Amino acid sequence: GEIFGTQGGARIGPVEFCKMISEPASMEIYKNMQGIPVNITPVLEDVNSYDAEVKHFIDCIIQGREPTTPAEQAIEVMRIIDAIYKSAQTGQMVRIGNGRGRPDSLRCR
């Protein structure tokens, strides 16, 4: 699937549930730089993200720290996911607010 906004976008290859764990998923991230989409895909180490998330959450509780990802960001991610589903169902571009007073466009293919 693809997702493109006014500031950047991403392209993610098809998810294969039978794919070997050692094979990385096909993903590209783009940033809009002066009207040109530039590939800024980071190279990430192979980490079990669920284990890391739970460990971080437990560490925050034990040490009395705020989580790296605040609840407000999780809400924003859910709004984007909802817009992705709506766009996929309707085949139309969906406008979502970005929390800074101006709408961003979201189009899924």
PDB file of N, CA and C in Angstrom:
ATOM      1  N   GLY A   1       0.818  -1.173   0.000  1.00  0.00           N
ATOM      2  CA  GLY A   1       0.000   0.000   0.000  1.00  0.00           C
ATOM      3  C   GLY A   1       0.869   1.248   0.000  1.00  0.00           C
ATOM      4  N   GLU A   2       0.252   2.337  -0.282  1.00  0.00           N
ATOM      5  CA  GLU A   2       0.940   3.626  -0.307  1.00  0.00           C
ATOM      6  C   GLU A   2       0.144   4.633   0.493  1.00  0.00           C
ATOM      7  N   ILE A   3       0.845   5.547   1.125  1.00  0.00           N
ATOM      8  CA  ILE A   3       0.220   6.661   1.818  1.00  0.00           C
ATOM      9  C   ILE A   3       1.086   7.885   1.547  1.00  0.00           C
ATOM     10  N   PHE A   4       0.448   8.946   1.088  1.00  0.00           N
ATOM     11  CA  PHE A   4       1.175  10.173   0.793  1.00  0.00           C
ATOM     12  C   PHE A   4       0.437  11.350   1.397  1.00  0.00           C
ATOM     13  N   GLY A   5       1.151  12.199   2.094  1.00  0.00           N
ATOM     14  CA  GLY A   5       0.589  13.414   2.674  1.00  0.00           C
ATOM     15  C   GLY A   5       1.291  14.628   2.104  1.00  0.00           C
ATOM     16  N   THR A   6       0.992  15.789   2.653  1.00  0.00           N
ATOM     17  CA  THR A   6       1.590  17.018   2.137  1.00  0.00           C
ATOM     18  C   THR A   6       3.062  17.146   2.522  1.00  0.00           C
ATOM     19  N   GLN A   7       3.499  16.438   3.572  1.00  0.00           N
ATOM     20  CA  GLN A   7       4.886  16.528   4.030  1.00  0.00           C
ATOM     21  C   GLN A   7       5.734  15.316   3.654  1.00  0.00           C
ATOM     22  N   GLY A   8       5.096  14.229   3.229  1.00  0.00           N
ATOM     23  CA  GLY A   8       5.855  13.025   2.896  1.00  0.00           C
ATOM     24  C   GLY A   8       4.925  11.849   2.692  1.00  0.00           C
ATOM     25  N   GLY A   9       5.483  10.641   2.709  1.00  0.00           N
ATOM     26  CA  GLY A   9       4.664   9.461   2.480  1.00  0.00           C
ATOM     27  C   GLY A   9       5.439   8.185   2.712  1.00  0.00           C
ATOM     28  N   ALA A  10       4.768   7.062   2.459  1.00  0.00           N
ATOM     29  CA  ALA A  10       5.398   5.757   2.639  1.00  0.00           C
ATOM     30  C   ALA A  10       4.816   4.773   1.638  1.00  0.00           C
ATOM     31  N   ARG A  11       5.629   3.806   1.276  1.00  0.00           N
ATOM     32  CA  ARG A  11       5.200   2.717   0.397  1.00  0.00           C
ATOM     33  C   ARG A  11       5.606   1.422   1.095  1.00  0.00           C
ATOM     34  N   ILE A  12       4.625   0.559   1.320  1.00  0.00           N
ATOM     35  CA  ILE A  12       4.883  -0.691   2.019  1.00  0.00           C
ATOM     36  C   ILE A  12       4.458  -1.839   1.120  1.00  0.00           C
ATOM     37  N   GLY A  13       5.355  -2.802   0.930  1.00  0.00           N
ATOM     38  CA  GLY A  13       5.068  -3.954   0.089  1.00  0.00           C
ATOM     39  C   GLY A  13       4.044  -4.858   0.731  1.00  0.00           C
ATOM     40  N   PRO A  14       3.526  -5.812  -0.013  1.00  0.00           N
ATOM     41  CA  PRO A  14       2.505  -6.706   0.538  1.00  0.00           C
ATOM     42  C   PRO A  14       3.042  -7.510   1.717  1.00  0.00           C
ATOM     43  N   VAL A  15       2.201  -7.670   2.718  1.00  0.00           N
ATOM     44  CA  VAL A  15       2.577  -8.441   3.900  1.00  0.00           C
ATOM     45  C   VAL A  15       2.311  -9.907   3.606  1.00  0.00           C
ATOM     46  N   GLU A  16       3.331 -10.718   3.825  1.00  0.00           N
ATOM     47  CA  GLU A  16       3.198 -12.155   3.620  1.00  0.00           C
ATOM     48  C   GLU A  16       3.361 -12.833   4.971  1.00  0.00           C
ATOM     49  N   PHE A  17       2.285 -13.408   5.479  1.00  0.00           N
ATOM     50  CA  PHE A  17       2.330 -13.991   6.808  1.00  0.00           C
ATOM     51  C   PHE A  17       3.210 -15.233   6.874  1.00  0.00           C
ATOM     52  N   CYS A  18       3.467 -15.859   5.741  1.00  0.00           N
ATOM     53  CA  CYS A  18       4.312 -17.049   5.728  1.00  0.00           C
ATOM     54  C   CYS A  18       5.769 -16.703   5.439  1.00  0.00           C
ATOM     55  N   LYS A  19       6.074 -15.430   5.308  1.00  0.00           N
ATOM     56  CA  LYS A  19       7.431 -14.995   4.988  1.00  0.00           C
ATOM     57  C   LYS A  19       8.363 -15.334   6.153  1.00  0.00           C
ATOM     58  N   MET A  20       9.566 -15.691   5.838  1.00  0.00           N
ATOM     59  CA  MET A  20      10.525 -16.003   6.885  1.00  0.00           C
ATOM     60  C   MET A  20      10.808 -14.750   7.703  1.00  0.00           C
ATOM     61  N   ILE A  21      10.923 -14.903   9.005  1.00  0.00           N
ATOM     62  CA  ILE A  21      11.139 -13.769   9.903  1.00  0.00           C
ATOM     63  C   ILE A  21      12.421 -13.027   9.567  1.00  0.00           C
ATOM     64  N   SER A  22      13.433 -13.725   9.064  1.00  0.00           N
ATOM     65  CA  SER A  22      14.714 -13.079   8.776  1.00  0.00           C
ATOM     66  C   SER A  22      14.649 -12.158   7.562  1.00  0.00           C
ATOM     67  N   GLU A  23      13.590 -12.262   6.760  1.00  0.00           N
ATOM     68  CA  GLU A  23      13.467 -11.407   5.587  1.00  0.00           C
ATOM     69  C   GLU A  23      12.777 -10.108   5.969  1.00  0.00           C
ATOM     70  N   PRO A  24      13.409  -8.959   5.700  1.00  0.00           N
ATOM     71  CA  PRO A  24      12.785  -7.685   6.067  1.00  0.00           C
ATOM     72  C   PRO A  24      11.574  -7.389   5.186  1.00  0.00           C
ATOM     73  N   ALA A  25      10.617  -6.663   5.757  1.00  0.00           N
ATOM     74  CA  ALA A  25       9.452  -6.229   4.978  1.00  0.00           C
ATOM     75  C   ALA A  25       9.899  -5.150   4.001  1.00  0.00           C
ATOM     76  N   SER A  26       9.228  -5.081   2.887  1.00  0.00           N
ATOM     77  CA  SER A  26       9.524  -4.076   1.880  1.00  0.00           C
ATOM     78  C   SER A  26       8.840  -2.777   2.289  1.00  0.00           C
ATOM     79  N   MET A  27       9.641  -1.735   2.604  1.00  0.00           N
ATOM     80  CA  MET A  27       9.075  -0.468   3.030  1.00  0.00           C
ATOM     81  C   MET A  27       9.982   0.672   2.599  1.00  0.00           C
ATOM     82  N   GLU A  28       9.385   1.767   2.150  1.00  0.00           N
ATOM     83  CA  GLU A  28      10.122   2.979   1.811  1.00  0.00           C
ATOM     84  C   GLU A  28       9.398   4.160   2.437  1.00  0.00           C
ATOM     85  N   ILE A  29      10.160   5.117   2.966  1.00  0.00           N
ATOM     86  CA  ILE A  29       9.590   6.334   3.550  1.00  0.00           C
ATOM     87  C   ILE A  29      10.122   7.521   2.764  1.00  0.00           C
ATOM     88  N   TYR A  30       9.216   8.441   2.447  1.00  0.00           N
ATOM     89  CA  TYR A  30       9.582   9.611   1.650  1.00  0.00           C
ATOM     90  C   TYR A  30       9.300  10.896   2.406  1.00  0.00           C
ATOM     91  N   LYS A  31      10.116  11.906   2.149  1.00  0.00           N
ATOM     92  CA  LYS A  31       9.899  13.246   2.680  1.00  0.00           C
ATOM     93  C   LYS A  31       9.842  14.205   1.506  1.00  0.00           C
ATOM     94  N   ASN A  32       8.870  15.111   1.541  1.00  0.00           N
ATOM     95  CA  ASN A  32       8.728  16.104   0.487  1.00  0.00           C
ATOM     96  C   ASN A  32       9.774  17.195   0.704  1.00  0.00           C
ATOM     97  N   MET A  33      10.732  17.296  -0.203  1.00  0.00           N
ATOM     98  CA  MET A  33      11.783  18.312  -0.113  1.00  0.00           C
ATOM     99  C   MET A  33      11.725  19.175  -1.363  1.00  0.00           C
ATOM    100  N   GLN A  34      11.184  20.371  -1.192  1.00  0.00           N
ATOM    101  CA  GLN A  34      11.045  21.327  -2.293  1.00  0.00           C
ATOM    102  C   GLN A  34      10.259  20.722  -3.453  1.00  0.00           C
ATOM    103  N   GLY A  35       9.187  20.003  -3.109  1.00  0.00           N
ATOM    104  CA  GLY A  35       8.314  19.432  -4.119  1.00  0.00           C
ATOM    105  C   GLY A  35       8.763  18.110  -4.700  1.00  0.00           C
ATOM    106  N   ILE A  36       9.890  17.583  -4.223  1.00  0.00           N
ATOM    107  CA  ILE A  36      10.419  16.319  -4.739  1.00  0.00           C
ATOM    108  C   ILE A  36      10.378  15.275  -3.625  1.00  0.00           C
ATOM    109  N   PRO A  37       9.748  14.094  -3.868  1.00  0.00           N
ATOM    110  CA  PRO A  37       9.759  13.055  -2.838  1.00  0.00           C
ATOM    111  C   PRO A  37      11.144  12.408  -2.743  1.00  0.00           C
ATOM    112  N   VAL A  38      11.766  12.517  -1.560  1.00  0.00           N
ATOM    113  CA  VAL A  38      13.107  11.985  -1.331  1.00  0.00           C
ATOM    114  C   VAL A  38      12.998  10.781  -0.399  1.00  0.00           C
ATOM    115  N   ASN A  39      13.605   9.662  -0.786  1.00  0.00           N
ATOM    116  CA  ASN A  39      13.575   8.444   0.013  1.00  0.00           C
ATOM    117  C   ASN A  39      14.446   8.639   1.250  1.00  0.00           C
ATOM    118  N   ILE A  40      13.829   8.572   2.441  1.00  0.00           N
ATOM    119  CA  ILE A  40      14.562   8.729   3.706  1.00  0.00           C
ATOM    120  C   ILE A  40      14.404   7.479   4.581  1.00  0.00           C
ATOM    121  N   THR A  41      14.224   6.324   3.952  1.00  0.00           N
ATOM    122  CA  THR A  41      13.998   5.078   4.678  1.00  0.00           C
ATOM    123  C   THR A  41      15.204   4.757   5.561  1.00  0.00           C
ATOM    124  N   PRO A  42      14.998   4.640   6.890  1.00  0.00           N
ATOM    125  CA  PRO A  42      16.122   4.301   7.763  1.00  0.00           C
ATOM    126  C   PRO A  42      16.452   2.815   7.687  1.00  0.00           C
ATOM    127  N   VAL A  43      17.682   2.479   7.992  1.00  0.00           N
ATOM    128  CA  VAL A  43      18.092   1.078   8.102  1.00  0.00           C
ATOM    129  C   VAL A  43      17.984   0.729   9.582  1.00  0.00           C
ATOM    130  N   LEU A  44      17.135  -0.226   9.893  1.00  0.00           N
ATOM    131  CA  LEU A  44      16.860  -0.564  11.282  1.00  0.00           C
ATOM    132  C   LEU A  44      17.440  -1.921  11.644  1.00  0.00           C
ATOM    133  N   GLU A  45      17.854  -2.041  12.913  1.00  0.00           N
ATOM    134  CA  GLU A  45      18.330  -3.336  13.374  1.00  0.00           C
ATOM    135  C   GLU A  45      17.129  -4.247  13.607  1.00  0.00           C
ATOM    136  N   ASP A  46      17.363  -5.533  13.581  1.00  0.00           N
ATOM    137  CA  ASP A  46      16.300  -6.515  13.744  1.00  0.00           C
ATOM    138  C   ASP A  46      15.974  -6.655  15.226  1.00  0.00           C
ATOM    139  N   VAL A  47      14.844  -6.083  15.661  1.00  0.00           N
ATOM    140  CA  VAL A  47      14.430  -6.095  17.059  1.00  0.00           C
ATOM    141  C   VAL A  47      12.975  -6.541  17.125  1.00  0.00           C
ATOM    142  N   ASN A  48      12.640  -7.317  18.143  1.00  0.00           N
ATOM    143  CA  ASN A  48      11.246  -7.670  18.364  1.00  0.00           C
ATOM    144  C   ASN A  48      10.575  -6.437  18.959  1.00  0.00           C
ATOM    145  N   SER A  49       9.830  -5.713  18.152  1.00  0.00           N
ATOM    146  CA  SER A  49       9.270  -4.432  18.580  1.00  0.00           C
ATOM    147  C   SER A  49       8.278  -4.579  19.731  1.00  0.00           C
ATOM    148  N   TYR A  50       7.534  -5.661  19.758  1.00  0.00           N
ATOM    149  CA  TYR A  50       6.582  -5.855  20.854  1.00  0.00           C
ATOM    150  C   TYR A  50       7.323  -6.006  22.181  1.00  0.00           C
ATOM    151  N   ASP A  51       8.377  -6.835  22.204  1.00  0.00           N
ATOM    152  CA  ASP A  51       9.168  -7.007  23.426  1.00  0.00           C
ATOM    153  C   ASP A  51       9.779  -5.683  23.870  1.00  0.00           C
ATOM    154  N   ALA A  52      10.311  -4.912  22.921  1.00  0.00           N
ATOM    155  CA  ALA A  52      10.929  -3.623  23.249  1.00  0.00           C
ATOM    156  C   ALA A  52       9.892  -2.645  23.805  1.00  0.00           C
ATOM    157  N   GLU A  53       8.690  -2.654  23.238  1.00  0.00           N
ATOM    158  CA  GLU A  53       7.619  -1.763  23.702  1.00  0.00           C
ATOM    159  C   GLU A  53       7.216  -2.094  25.137  1.00  0.00           C
ATOM    160  N   VAL A  54       7.030  -3.379  25.419  1.00  0.00           N
ATOM    161  CA  VAL A  54       6.644  -3.803  26.767  1.00  0.00           C
ATOM    162  C   VAL A  54       7.755  -3.477  27.761  1.00  0.00           C
ATOM    163  N   LYS A  55       9.006  -3.747  27.401  1.00  0.00           N
ATOM    164  CA  LYS A  55      10.139  -3.449  28.286  1.00  0.00           C
ATOM    165  C   LYS A  55      10.200  -1.957  28.592  1.00  0.00           C
ATOM    166  N   HIS A  56      10.040  -1.115  27.572  1.00  0.00           N
ATOM    167  CA  HIS A  56      10.064   0.336  27.771  1.00  0.00           C
ATOM    168  C   HIS A  56       8.939   0.769  28.710  1.00  0.00           C
ATOM    169  N   PHE A  57       7.738   0.229  28.511  1.00  0.00           N
ATOM    170  CA  PHE A  57       6.594   0.579  29.347  1.00  0.00           C
ATOM    171  C   PHE A  57       6.855   0.201  30.809  1.00  0.00           C
ATOM    172  N   ILE A  58       7.372  -0.998  31.038  1.00  0.00           N
ATOM    173  CA  ILE A  58       7.676  -1.444  32.400  1.00  0.00           C
ATOM    174  C   ILE A  58       8.750  -0.561  33.021  1.00  0.00           C
ATOM    175  N   ASP A  59       9.808  -0.241  32.261  1.00  0.00           N
ATOM    176  CA  ASP A  59      10.867   0.642  32.763  1.00  0.00           C
ATOM    177  C   ASP A  59      10.304   2.005  33.162  1.00  0.00           C
ATOM    178  N   CYS A  60       9.378   2.539  32.371  1.00  0.00           N
ATOM    179  CA  CYS A  60       8.768   3.838  32.687  1.00  0.00           C
ATOM    180  C   CYS A  60       7.997   3.773  33.998  1.00  0.00           C
ATOM    181  N   ILE A  61       7.277   2.681  34.220  1.00  0.00           N
ATOM    182  CA  ILE A  61       6.520   2.526  35.467  1.00  0.00           C
ATOM    183  C   ILE A  61       7.474   2.443  36.649  1.00  0.00           C
ATOM    184  N   ILE A  62       8.501   1.610  36.537  1.00  0.00           N
ATOM    185  CA  ILE A  62       9.452   1.410  37.637  1.00  0.00           C
ATOM    186  C   ILE A  62      10.202   2.696  37.959  1.00  0.00           C
ATOM    187  N   GLN A  63      10.618   3.435  36.917  1.00  0.00           N
ATOM    188  CA  GLN A  63      11.436   4.632  37.115  1.00  0.00           C
ATOM    189  C   GLN A  63      10.616   5.925  37.179  1.00  0.00           C
ATOM    190  N   GLY A  64       9.290   5.821  37.049  1.00  0.00           N
ATOM    191  CA  GLY A  64       8.437   7.003  37.137  1.00  0.00           C
ATOM    192  C   GLY A  64       8.627   7.993  35.998  1.00  0.00           C
ATOM    193  N   ARG A  65       8.971   7.495  34.811  1.00  0.00           N
ATOM    194  CA  ARG A  65       9.187   8.369  33.646  1.00  0.00           C
ATOM    195  C   ARG A  65       7.988   8.318  32.712  1.00  0.00           C
ATOM    196  N   GLU A  66       7.879   9.357  31.882  1.00  0.00           N
ATOM    197  CA  GLU A  66       6.857   9.378  30.836  1.00  0.00           C
ATOM    198  C   GLU A  66       7.315   8.480  29.688  1.00  0.00           C
ATOM    199  N   PRO A  67       6.399   7.751  29.061  1.00  0.00           N
ATOM    200  CA  PRO A  67       6.767   6.940  27.890  1.00  0.00           C
ATOM    201  C   PRO A  67       7.264   7.819  26.747  1.00  0.00           C
ATOM    202  N   THR A  68       8.121   7.264  25.905  1.00  0.00           N
ATOM    203  CA  THR A  68       8.645   7.984  24.745  1.00  0.00           C
ATOM    204  C   THR A  68       7.516   8.437  23.836  1.00  0.00           C
ATOM    205  N   THR A  69       6.509   7.601  23.669  1.00  0.00           N
ATOM    206  CA  THR A  69       5.369   7.928  22.820  1.00  0.00           C
ATOM    207  C   THR A  69       4.181   8.277  23.705  1.00  0.00           C
ATOM    208  N   PRO A  70       3.781   9.554  23.736  1.00  0.00           N
ATOM    209  CA  PRO A  70       2.646   9.945  24.579  1.00  0.00           C
ATOM    210  C   PRO A  70       1.314   9.453  24.009  1.00  0.00           C
ATOM    211  N   ALA A  71       0.303   9.393  24.865  1.00  0.00           N
ATOM    212  CA  ALA A  71      -1.024   8.928  24.449  1.00  0.00           C
ATOM    213  C   ALA A  71      -1.581   9.781  23.314  1.00  0.00           C
ATOM    214  N   GLU A  72      -1.291  11.087  23.312  1.00  0.00           N
ATOM    215  CA  GLU A  72      -1.779  11.971  22.251  1.00  0.00           C
ATOM    216  C   GLU A  72      -1.285  11.518  20.883  1.00  0.00           C
ATOM    217  N   GLN A  73      -0.053  11.038  20.822  1.00  0.00           N
ATOM    218  CA  GLN A  73       0.488  10.561  19.549  1.00  0.00           C
ATOM    219  C   GLN A  73      -0.215   9.272  19.117  1.00  0.00           C
ATOM    220  N   ALA A  74      -0.526   8.412  20.069  1.00  0.00           N
ATOM    221  CA  ALA A  74      -1.249   7.177  19.744  1.00  0.00           C
ATOM    222  C   ALA A  74      -2.633   7.499  19.184  1.00  0.00           C
ATOM    223  N   ILE A  75      -3.288   8.523  19.739  1.00  0.00           N
ATOM    224  CA  ILE A  75      -4.599   8.942  19.230  1.00  0.00           C
ATOM    225  C   ILE A  75      -4.468   9.448  17.800  1.00  0.00           C
ATOM    226  N   GLU A  76      -3.432  10.232  17.528  1.00  0.00           N
ATOM    227  CA  GLU A  76      -3.202  10.740  16.170  1.00  0.00           C
ATOM    228  C   GLU A  76      -2.966   9.586  15.191  1.00  0.00           C
ATOM    229  N   VAL A  77      -2.207   8.585  15.610  1.00  0.00           N
ATOM    230  CA  VAL A  77      -1.963   7.416  14.757  1.00  0.00           C
ATOM    231  C   VAL A  77      -3.280   6.701  14.454  1.00  0.00           C
ATOM    232  N   MET A  78      -4.144   6.558  15.449  1.00  0.00           N
ATOM    233  CA  MET A  78      -5.434   5.900  15.222  1.00  0.00           C
ATOM    234  C   MET A  78      -6.300   6.708  14.253  1.00  0.00           C
ATOM    235  N   ARG A  79      -6.243   8.044  14.315  1.00  0.00           N
ATOM    236  CA  ARG A  79      -6.992   8.875  13.373  1.00  0.00           C
ATOM    237  C   ARG A  79      -6.493   8.631  11.951  1.00  0.00           C
ATOM    238  N   ILE A  80      -5.187   8.488  11.799  1.00  0.00           N
ATOM    239  CA  ILE A  80      -4.610   8.226  10.479  1.00  0.00           C
ATOM    240  C   ILE A  80      -5.036   6.846   9.978  1.00  0.00           C
ATOM    241  N   ILE A  81      -4.991   5.843  10.868  1.00  0.00           N
ATOM    242  CA  ILE A  81      -5.404   4.492  10.479  1.00  0.00           C
ATOM    243  C   ILE A  81      -6.872   4.479  10.063  1.00  0.00           C
ATOM    244  N   ASP A  82      -7.726   5.186  10.815  1.00  0.00           N
ATOM    245  CA  ASP A  82      -9.141   5.279  10.434  1.00  0.00           C
ATOM    246  C   ASP A  82      -9.292   5.899   9.049  1.00  0.00           C
ATOM    247  N   ALA A  83      -8.506   6.942   8.762  1.00  0.00           N
ATOM    248  CA  ALA A  83      -8.567   7.596   7.449  1.00  0.00           C
ATOM    249  C   ALA A  83      -8.083   6.659   6.343  1.00  0.00           C
ATOM    250  N   ILE A  84      -7.086   5.840   6.645  1.00  0.00           N
ATOM    251  CA  ILE A  84      -6.588   4.865   5.665  1.00  0.00           C
ATOM    252  C   ILE A  84      -7.701   3.883   5.302  1.00  0.00           C
ATOM    253  N   TYR A  85      -8.395   3.362   6.314  1.00  0.00           N
ATOM    254  CA  TYR A  85      -9.504   2.439   6.043  1.00  0.00           C
ATOM    255  C   TYR A  85     -10.593   3.117   5.217  1.00  0.00           C
ATOM    256  N   LYS A  86     -10.947   4.355   5.591  1.00  0.00           N
ATOM    257  CA  LYS A  86     -11.998   5.072   4.863  1.00  0.00           C
ATOM    258  C   LYS A  86     -11.587   5.303   3.413  1.00  0.00           C
ATOM    259  N   SER A  87     -10.326   5.700   3.191  1.00  0.00           N
ATOM    260  CA  SER A  87      -9.832   5.932   1.839  1.00  0.00           C
ATOM    261  C   SER A  87      -9.832   4.637   1.030  1.00  0.00           C
ATOM    262  N   ALA A  88      -9.413   3.546   1.678  1.00  0.00           N
ATOM    263  CA  ALA A  88      -9.381   2.254   0.981  1.00  0.00           C
ATOM    264  C   ALA A  88     -10.790   1.793   0.607  1.00  0.00           C
ATOM    265  N   GLN A  89     -11.756   2.042   1.477  1.00  0.00           N
ATOM    266  CA  GLN A  89     -13.135   1.624   1.210  1.00  0.00           C
ATOM    267  C   GLN A  89     -13.782   2.453   0.106  1.00  0.00           C
ATOM    268  N   THR A  90     -13.507   3.761   0.103  1.00  0.00           N
ATOM    269  CA  THR A  90     -14.176   4.656  -0.843  1.00  0.00           C
ATOM    270  C   THR A  90     -13.379   4.914  -2.109  1.00  0.00           C
ATOM    271  N   GLY A  91     -12.056   4.662  -2.048  1.00  0.00           N
ATOM    272  CA  GLY A  91     -11.193   4.976  -3.186  1.00  0.00           C
ATOM    273  C   GLY A  91     -10.960   6.465  -3.351  1.00  0.00           C
ATOM    274  N   GLN A  92     -11.345   7.234  -2.341  1.00  0.00           N
ATOM    275  CA  GLN A  92     -11.227   8.692  -2.402  1.00  0.00           C
ATOM    276  C   GLN A  92     -10.158   9.190  -1.431  1.00  0.00           C
ATOM    277  N   MET A  93      -9.651  10.402  -1.707  1.00  0.00           N
ATOM    278  CA  MET A  93      -8.726  11.048  -0.798  1.00  0.00           C
ATOM    279  C   MET A  93      -9.498  11.461   0.451  1.00  0.00           C
ATOM    280  N   VAL A  94      -8.890  11.300   1.614  1.00  0.00           N
ATOM    281  CA  VAL A  94      -9.511  11.670   2.882  1.00  0.00           C
ATOM    282  C   VAL A  94      -8.673  12.775   3.507  1.00  0.00           C
ATOM    283  N   ARG A  95      -9.333  13.836   3.946  1.00  0.00           N
ATOM    284  CA  ARG A  95      -8.623  14.930   4.618  1.00  0.00           C
ATOM    285  C   ARG A  95      -8.688  14.702   6.123  1.00  0.00           C
ATOM    286  N   ILE A  96      -7.546  14.857   6.758  1.00  0.00           N
ATOM    287  CA  ILE A  96      -7.480  14.727   8.210  1.00  0.00           C
ATOM    288  C   ILE A  96      -6.778  15.955   8.748  1.00  0.00           C
ATOM    289  N   GLY A  97      -7.180  16.411   9.922  1.00  0.00           N
ATOM    290  CA  GLY A  97      -6.493  17.531  10.555  1.00  0.00           C
ATOM    291  C   GLY A  97      -5.169  17.064  11.117  1.00  0.00           C
ATOM    292  N   ASN A  98      -4.189  17.954  11.119  1.00  0.00           N
ATOM    293  CA  ASN A  98      -2.876  17.573  11.636  1.00  0.00           C
ATOM    294  C   ASN A  98      -2.619  18.134  13.025  1.00  0.00           C
ATOM    295  N   GLY A  99      -3.651  18.717  13.652  1.00  0.00           N
ATOM    296  CA  GLY A  99      -3.480  19.250  14.995  1.00  0.00           C
ATOM    297  C   GLY A  99      -2.819  20.608  15.027  1.00  0.00           C
ATOM    298  N   ARG A 100      -2.450  21.136  13.862  1.00  0.00           N
ATOM    299  CA  ARG A 100      -1.798  22.446  13.809  1.00  0.00           C
ATOM    300  C   ARG A 100      -2.668  23.442  13.035  1.00  0.00           C
ATOM    301  N   GLY A 101      -3.964  23.131  12.927  1.00  0.00           N
ATOM    302  CA  GLY A 101      -4.884  24.065  12.317  1.00  0.00           C
ATOM    303  C   GLY A 101      -5.023  23.980  10.810  1.00  0.00           C
ATOM    304  N   ARG A 102      -4.313  23.082  10.161  1.00  0.00           N
ATOM    305  CA  ARG A 102      -4.493  22.951   8.713  1.00  0.00           C
ATOM    306  C   ARG A 102      -4.630  21.473   8.365  1.00  0.00           C
ATOM    307  N   PRO A 103      -5.473  21.160   7.390  1.00  0.00           N
ATOM    308  CA  PRO A 103      -5.682  19.748   7.048  1.00  0.00           C
ATOM    309  C   PRO A 103      -4.559  19.187   6.187  1.00  0.00           C
ATOM    310  N   ASP A 104      -4.267  17.929   6.386  1.00  0.00           N
ATOM    311  CA  ASP A 104      -3.370  17.185   5.500  1.00  0.00           C
ATOM    312  C   ASP A 104      -4.232  16.271   4.650  1.00  0.00           C
ATOM    313  N   SER A 105      -3.738  15.942   3.471  1.00  0.00           N
ATOM    314  CA  SER A 105      -4.461  15.028   2.589  1.00  0.00           C
ATOM    315  C   SER A 105      -3.884  13.634   2.729  1.00  0.00           C
ATOM    316  N   LEU A 106      -4.727  12.646   2.608  1.00  0.00           N
ATOM    317  CA  LEU A 106      -4.314  11.257   2.713  1.00  0.00           C
ATOM    318  C   LEU A 106      -4.985  10.486   1.592  1.00  0.00           C
ATOM    319  N   ARG A 107      -4.180   9.782   0.808  1.00  0.00           N
ATOM    320  CA  ARG A 107      -4.723   8.988  -0.294  1.00  0.00           C
ATOM    321  C   ARG A 107      -4.132   7.588  -0.206  1.00  0.00           C
ATOM    322  N   CYS A 108      -4.960   6.584  -0.258  1.00  0.00           N
ATOM    323  CA  CYS A 108      -4.499   5.194  -0.223  1.00  0.00           C
ATOM    324  C   CYS A 108      -4.827   4.520  -1.536  1.00  0.00           C
ATOM    325  N   ARG A 109      -3.953   3.639  -1.964  1.00  0.00           N
ATOM    326  CA  ARG A 109      -4.205   2.851  -3.171  1.00  0.00           C
ATOM    327  C   ARG A 109      -4.223   1.391  -2.813  1.00  0.00           C
TER     328      ARG A 109
END
